[in-house]
Amino acid sequence: MVSIGYFLSSEEHGPRELVRQARWAEEAGFERLWISDHYHPWNREQGNSPFVWSVIGALSEVTSLPITTAVTCPTVRIHPAVVAQAAATAAVQCRGGFTLGVGSGEALNEHIFGDPWPSAPERLDMLEEAVEIMRALWTGEEVSHRGEHYAVENARLYTLPPAPVPVYVSAFGPKAAEVAGRIGDGLCSTMPDPSLLEKFRAAGGEGKPTQAGFKVCHARTAEEGVKTAHRLWANEQLPGELAQVLPTPRHFEQASTLVTEEMVASALPVGPDPEPYVKAVREYADAGYDEVYVSQIGPDQERFFAFWADRVAPSLSHATTAAGGAR
């Protein structure tokens, strides 16, 4: 019923390590991959931010798993015409098994040129126009465009996959879910919230694929897992719109001092017991997601994959599909 993928964290791992993790993920039975697209990590403890398009090229040579960016912002830091070229090339490299996940972005990654950070409604408008431009370019025709936010002149892509790149739109609230249903080929989120999926489907997303991901921290003890998750990803527990408006890793570190280890312990599976991991996957499956992606926090990646294959996957086998391995 639900396909299980692995979420590669570009904030926490360098490019060569991400490639190793993709191989381990496929060997452990994961059926697909998410990969984050960031210019900065959320905090300096995470410590990485490789260029996602270079990493995807390497991934395409070592794994047969489908890949989705989770998510790319095609509006400020990189012009949508350039993202269209990058995504088309990635789809060719991945033999069609590539999906462009897009979102309205965060100041953390997108403000680096010093432009004003737009409001959330304006960012969604920019995202709609960006998707329109990219889809026009994926036809292989020459495109000229003068819109409210972007200009394109005499642009044409010559390296194209056999079919246009699927675009899945990220949503965490009702307005974004409505946009995702209206313009997206699918939905990306991190919330096991059935009402979000209902909003997406009511806006035009009925029958379209849905993806969601969450973090875990397998460790020898629950206490060790909590400490590692708190050290690296306390920012995950920040409320409201802080993740969209704080501009630097330093600001996220300051805000994350408000997040306690107890908050982290109650928010994600940690430690050696497989049951919390199984329960978390089922929560997303029960909410209605088609694909669920899991990301292990911390350096002990190889042991996590063995734990997942030996102790978690058998309990999930009745709820998973093998659909993700097909190209």
Protein backbone atom coordinates (compact mmCIF):
# COMPACT_ATOMS: atom_id res chain seq x y z
CA MET A 1 0.00 0.00 0.00
CA VAL A 2 2.84 2.41 0.72
CA SER A 3 6.30 2.54 -0.85
CA ILE A 4 9.21 3.19 1.54
CA GLY A 5 12.10 5.41 0.47
CA TYR A 6 15.24 6.83 2.03
CA PHE A 7 15.73 10.58 2.54
CA LEU A 8 19.30 11.71 1.79
CA SER A 9 20.20 14.74 3.93
CA SER A 10 22.36 17.20 1.98
CA GLU A 11 22.64 19.36 5.10
CA GLU A 12 24.28 16.66 7.18
CA HIS A 13 26.43 14.72 4.68
CA GLY A 14 28.91 15.45 1.93
CA PRO A 15 28.47 14.32 -1.68
CA ARG A 16 30.50 11.13 -1.52
CA GLU A 17 28.79 10.04 1.68
CA LEU A 18 25.37 10.62 0.12
CA VAL A 19 26.33 8.33 -2.76
CA ARG A 20 27.39 5.61 -0.31
CA GLN A 21 24.11 5.96 1.56
CA ALA A 22 22.13 5.57 -1.66
CA ARG A 23 23.86 2.25 -2.35
CA TRP A 24 23.23 1.06 1.20
CA ALA A 25 19.60 2.15 0.98
CA GLU A 26 18.98 0.09 -2.14
CA GLU A 27 20.72 -2.93 -0.61
CA ALA A 28 18.55 -2.56 2.52
CA GLY A 29 15.36 -2.71 0.44
CA PHE A 30 14.39 0.95 0.24
CA GLU A 31 12.46 1.55 -2.98
CA ARG A 32 13.18 5.19 -3.82
CA LEU A 33 15.14 8.26 -2.74
CA TRP A 34 14.47 11.80 -1.60
CA ILE A 35 17.34 14.28 -1.56
CA SER A 36 17.26 17.76 -0.03
CA ASP A 37 18.35 20.84 -2.00
CA HIS A 38 20.00 23.45 0.24
CA TYR A 39 22.54 26.25 -0.03
CA HIS A 40 23.13 26.29 3.75
CA PRO A 41 22.61 23.67 6.45
CA TRP A 42 20.06 24.58 9.10
CA ASN A 43 22.87 24.86 11.66
CA ARG A 44 26.64 24.64 11.65
CA GLU A 45 26.62 21.32 13.52
CA GLN A 46 25.07 19.66 10.46
CA GLY A 47 27.93 21.08 8.46
CA ASN A 48 27.22 20.37 4.76
CA SER A 49 25.46 21.73 1.67
CA PRO A 50 26.68 20.05 -1.55
CA PHE A 51 25.21 21.15 -4.88
CA VAL A 52 22.32 18.75 -5.37
CA TRP A 53 22.53 18.50 -9.17
CA SER A 54 26.11 17.24 -9.04
CA VAL A 55 25.13 14.64 -6.45
CA ILE A 56 22.14 13.47 -8.52
CA GLY A 57 24.45 12.84 -11.46
CA ALA A 58 26.61 10.62 -9.28
CA LEU A 59 23.57 8.86 -7.78
CA SER A 60 22.29 7.98 -11.24
CA GLU A 61 25.41 5.87 -11.82
CA VAL A 62 25.29 3.86 -8.59
CA THR A 63 21.59 3.21 -7.93
CA SER A 64 18.50 2.25 -9.92
CA LEU A 65 16.15 3.91 -7.42
CA PRO A 66 13.89 6.78 -8.52
CA ILE A 67 14.96 10.16 -7.12
CA THR A 68 12.92 13.19 -6.03
CA THR A 69 14.32 16.52 -4.85
CA ALA A 70 12.72 17.40 -1.51
CA VAL A 71 12.55 20.15 -2.34
CA THR A 72 14.01 22.55 -4.90
CA CYS A 73 13.04 26.23 -4.83
CA PRO A 74 13.02 27.34 -8.50
CA THR A 75 12.23 30.99 -7.86
CA VAL A 76 14.99 33.13 -6.29
CA ARG A 77 18.44 31.56 -5.96
CA ILE A 78 18.25 29.85 -9.37
CA HIS A 79 16.09 31.08 -12.26
CA PRO A 80 13.39 28.58 -13.28
CA ALA A 81 14.82 28.33 -16.80
CA VAL A 82 18.07 27.02 -15.32
CA VAL A 83 16.26 24.65 -12.94
CA ALA A 84 14.34 23.34 -15.97
CA GLN A 85 17.63 22.49 -17.68
CA ALA A 86 19.04 20.87 -14.54
CA ALA A 87 15.91 18.78 -14.00
CA ALA A 88 15.76 17.68 -17.64
CA THR A 89 19.38 16.54 -17.49
CA ALA A 90 18.76 14.72 -14.21
CA ALA A 91 15.78 12.91 -15.74
CA VAL A 92 17.97 11.75 -18.64
CA GLN A 93 20.69 10.60 -16.23
CA CYS A 94 18.11 8.75 -14.11
CA ARG A 95 16.57 7.13 -17.21
CA GLY A 96 13.26 8.82 -16.52
CA GLY A 97 13.23 7.99 -12.80
CA PHE A 98 13.48 11.59 -11.63
CA THR A 99 10.84 13.84 -10.07
CA LEU A 100 11.32 17.53 -9.38
CA GLY A 101 9.92 18.35 -5.96
CA VAL A 102 9.44 22.12 -5.64
CA GLY A 103 8.53 24.54 -2.90
CA SER A 104 8.34 28.25 -2.14
CA GLY A 105 11.66 28.17 -0.28
CA GLU A 106 13.25 29.53 2.87
CA ALA A 107 15.21 32.72 3.42
CA LEU A 108 18.04 30.50 4.72
CA ASN A 109 18.77 29.33 1.18
CA GLU A 110 17.29 31.95 -1.09
CA HIS A 111 18.31 35.35 0.30
CA ILE A 112 22.00 35.03 -0.56
CA PHE A 113 21.94 37.69 -3.30
CA GLY A 114 20.53 40.30 -0.93
CA ASP A 115 17.09 40.58 -2.53
CA PRO A 116 14.11 41.26 -0.27
CA TRP A 117 12.48 38.07 0.99
CA PRO A 118 8.95 37.96 -0.45
CA SER A 119 5.82 37.25 1.58
CA ALA A 120 4.38 33.73 1.53
CA PRO A 121 1.57 34.59 -0.95
CA GLU A 122 4.04 36.24 -3.33
CA ARG A 123 6.37 33.24 -3.10
CA LEU A 124 3.51 30.94 -4.10
CA ASP A 125 2.71 33.21 -7.06
CA MET A 126 6.37 33.06 -8.08
CA LEU A 127 6.32 29.28 -7.78
CA GLU A 128 3.29 28.99 -10.08
CA GLU A 129 4.96 31.12 -12.74
CA ALA A 130 8.22 29.17 -12.38
CA VAL A 131 6.43 25.85 -12.93
CA GLU A 132 4.72 27.30 -16.02
CA ILE A 133 8.10 28.31 -17.46
CA MET A 134 9.71 24.95 -16.75
CA ARG A 135 6.89 22.99 -18.33
CA ALA A 136 7.05 25.17 -21.43
CA LEU A 137 10.78 24.48 -21.75
CA TRP A 138 10.29 20.71 -21.32
CA THR A 139 8.28 20.70 -24.56
CA GLY A 140 11.54 21.26 -26.41
CA GLU A 141 10.15 24.35 -28.09
CA GLU A 142 11.77 27.78 -28.03
CA VAL A 143 10.33 29.81 -25.16
CA SER A 144 10.03 33.55 -24.66
CA HIS A 145 8.13 34.70 -21.59
CA ARG A 146 7.37 38.05 -19.96
CA GLY A 147 5.57 37.56 -16.68
CA GLU A 148 5.07 39.28 -13.38
CA HIS A 149 8.22 37.77 -11.89
CA TYR A 150 10.36 36.30 -14.69
CA ALA A 151 11.58 37.00 -18.20
CA VAL A 152 12.79 34.31 -20.60
CA GLU A 153 14.01 35.07 -24.08
CA ASN A 154 14.67 32.60 -26.92
CA ALA A 155 15.38 29.73 -24.53
CA ARG A 156 15.29 26.13 -25.72
CA LEU A 157 16.40 22.90 -24.06
CA TYR A 158 18.08 20.37 -26.32
CA THR A 159 18.78 17.60 -23.78
CA LEU A 160 15.35 16.31 -22.80
CA PRO A 161 13.91 13.08 -21.35
CA PRO A 162 11.26 11.22 -23.37
CA ALA A 163 8.48 12.68 -21.17
CA PRO A 164 8.25 15.98 -19.27
CA VAL A 165 9.66 15.92 -15.73
CA PRO A 166 6.93 15.34 -13.10
CA VAL A 167 6.60 18.27 -10.69
CA TYR A 168 5.50 17.56 -7.11
CA VAL A 169 4.68 20.61 -5.00
CA SER A 170 5.51 20.93 -1.30
CA ALA A 171 2.76 21.94 1.12
CA PHE A 172 2.49 22.42 4.88
CA GLY A 173 -0.68 24.53 5.02
CA PRO A 174 -4.03 24.82 3.24
CA LYS A 175 -3.05 27.53 0.73
CA ALA A 176 0.04 25.64 -0.43
CA ALA A 177 -1.98 22.39 -0.55
CA GLU A 178 -4.50 24.10 -2.83
CA VAL A 179 -1.70 25.29 -5.13
CA ALA A 180 -0.16 21.81 -5.10
CA GLY A 181 -3.46 20.23 -6.10
CA ARG A 182 -4.01 22.75 -8.86
CA ILE A 183 -0.57 22.86 -10.50
CA GLY A 184 1.35 19.83 -9.21
CA ASP A 185 1.69 16.33 -10.58
CA GLY A 186 1.94 15.22 -6.95
CA LEU A 187 2.40 16.42 -3.35
CA CYS A 188 5.43 16.53 -1.02
CA SER A 189 5.12 17.11 2.73
CA THR A 190 6.42 16.10 6.14
CA MET A 191 3.10 16.14 7.99
CA PRO A 192 0.95 13.03 8.65
CA ASP A 193 -2.14 15.22 8.40
CA PRO A 194 -5.13 13.74 6.52
CA SER A 195 -6.74 17.20 6.21
CA LEU A 196 -3.76 18.42 4.17
CA LEU A 197 -4.23 15.54 1.74
CA GLU A 198 -7.97 16.25 1.59
CA LYS A 199 -7.27 19.88 0.66
CA PHE A 200 -4.77 18.78 -2.00
CA ARG A 201 -7.21 16.30 -3.54
CA ALA A 202 -10.15 18.70 -3.46
CA ALA A 203 -8.08 21.28 -5.38
CA GLY A 204 -7.31 18.91 -8.25
CA GLY A 205 -4.94 16.39 -6.71
CA GLU A 206 -7.31 13.43 -6.71
CA GLY A 207 -5.42 10.37 -7.96
CA LYS A 208 -2.04 12.14 -7.96
CA PRO A 209 0.90 10.64 -6.00
CA THR A 210 1.67 11.90 -2.51
CA GLN A 211 5.01 11.78 -0.68
CA ALA A 212 6.05 12.54 2.90
CA GLY A 213 9.22 12.15 4.92
CA PHE A 214 10.37 12.15 8.52
CA LYS A 215 13.56 11.81 10.55
CA VAL A 216 14.64 9.06 12.95
CA CYS A 217 17.72 8.37 15.04
CA HIS A 218 18.54 4.72 15.49
CA ALA A 219 21.10 4.31 18.28
CA ARG A 220 22.23 1.79 20.90
CA THR A 221 19.99 3.48 23.47
CA ALA A 222 17.04 5.85 23.29
CA GLU A 223 19.01 8.38 25.34
CA GLU A 224 21.87 8.34 22.83
CA GLY A 225 19.42 8.76 19.96
CA VAL A 226 17.75 11.74 21.62
CA LYS A 227 21.06 13.47 22.28
CA THR A 228 22.23 12.99 18.68
CA ALA A 229 18.93 14.16 17.22
CA HIS A 230 18.84 17.18 19.53
CA ARG A 231 22.41 18.16 18.68
CA LEU A 232 21.90 17.95 14.93
CA TRP A 233 18.21 18.60 14.24
CA ALA A 234 16.65 20.56 17.09
CA ASN A 235 15.55 23.03 14.39
CA GLU A 236 12.95 20.49 13.23
CA GLN A 237 10.85 21.36 16.28
CA LEU A 238 10.72 25.13 15.71
CA PRO A 239 7.11 26.34 15.37
CA GLY A 240 5.26 28.35 12.76
CA GLU A 241 7.02 30.18 9.94
CA LEU A 242 10.45 30.45 11.57
CA ALA A 243 11.90 27.91 9.12
CA GLN A 244 10.86 30.14 6.21
CA VAL A 245 12.07 33.50 7.52
CA LEU A 246 15.25 33.01 9.58
CA PRO A 247 18.17 33.93 7.29
CA THR A 248 21.28 32.11 8.57
CA PRO A 249 22.35 28.91 10.36
CA ARG A 250 23.39 31.12 13.28
CA HIS A 251 19.80 32.35 13.68
CA PHE A 252 18.51 28.78 13.66
CA GLU A 253 21.02 27.89 16.36
CA GLN A 254 19.77 30.78 18.48
CA ALA A 255 16.11 29.81 18.02
CA SER A 256 16.87 26.14 18.65
CA THR A 257 18.05 26.89 22.19
CA LEU A 258 14.31 26.89 22.98
CA VAL A 259 13.99 23.25 21.88
CA THR A 260 14.56 20.72 24.66
CA GLU A 261 15.68 17.11 24.46
CA GLU A 262 12.24 16.14 25.77
CA MET A 263 10.61 17.87 22.79
CA VAL A 264 12.82 15.93 20.41
CA ALA A 265 12.19 12.63 22.22
CA SER A 266 8.43 13.04 21.83
CA ALA A 267 8.63 14.02 18.16
CA LEU A 268 10.57 11.25 16.39
CA PRO A 269 11.55 7.58 16.69
CA VAL A 270 14.87 7.05 18.47
CA GLY A 271 16.89 4.18 19.90
CA PRO A 272 17.02 0.41 19.29
CA ASP A 273 13.34 -0.60 19.47
CA PRO A 274 11.84 -1.11 15.97
CA GLU A 275 8.24 -0.50 17.06
CA PRO A 276 8.36 3.36 17.09
CA TYR A 277 9.73 3.30 13.53
CA VAL A 278 6.98 0.95 12.38
CA LYS A 279 4.36 3.08 14.11
CA ALA A 280 5.64 6.27 12.45
CA VAL A 281 5.53 4.78 8.96
CA ARG A 282 2.03 3.48 9.56
CA GLU A 283 0.90 6.91 10.76
CA TYR A 284 1.86 8.40 7.39
CA ALA A 285 0.35 5.45 5.52
CA ASP A 286 -2.89 5.78 7.46
CA ALA A 287 -2.99 9.50 6.64
CA GLY A 288 -3.11 8.48 2.99
CA TYR A 289 0.42 8.95 1.62
CA ASP A 290 1.60 6.74 -1.24
CA GLU A 291 5.33 7.13 -0.52
CA VAL A 292 7.05 7.55 2.85
CA TYR A 293 10.71 8.54 3.19
CA VAL A 294 12.89 7.96 6.27
CA SER A 295 16.08 9.86 7.16
CA GLN A 296 18.55 8.60 9.75
CA ILE A 297 20.15 11.34 11.83
CA GLY A 298 23.84 11.12 12.66
CA PRO A 299 26.98 9.40 11.39
CA ASP A 300 26.01 5.79 12.12
CA GLN A 301 24.34 5.23 8.76
CA GLU A 302 25.51 1.73 7.86
CA ARG A 303 24.27 0.27 11.16
CA PHE A 304 20.92 1.98 10.63
CA PHE A 305 20.43 0.28 7.25
CA ALA A 306 21.16 -3.13 8.78
CA PHE A 307 18.69 -2.38 11.60
CA TRP A 308 16.02 -1.31 9.13
CA ALA A 309 16.44 -4.35 6.88
CA ASP A 310 16.58 -6.87 9.74
CA ARG A 311 14.11 -5.49 12.28
CA VAL A 312 11.85 -2.79 10.80
CA ALA A 313 11.16 -3.81 7.21
CA PRO A 314 9.78 -7.28 8.08
CA SER A 315 7.07 -5.65 10.20
CA LEU A 316 6.18 -3.30 7.35
CA SER A 317 6.24 -5.83 4.51
CA HIS A 318 2.47 -6.21 4.34
CA ALA A 319 2.07 -2.43 3.89
CA THR A 320 4.75 -1.79 1.28
CA THR A 321 4.89 -2.17 -2.47
CA ALA A 322 7.68 -2.85 -4.88
CA ALA A 323 6.53 -0.11 -7.21
CA GLY A 324 9.50 2.12 -6.54
CA GLY A 325 12.04 -0.10 -8.30
CA ALA A 326 10.54 0.30 -11.77
CA ARG A 327 11.92 2.83 -14.20
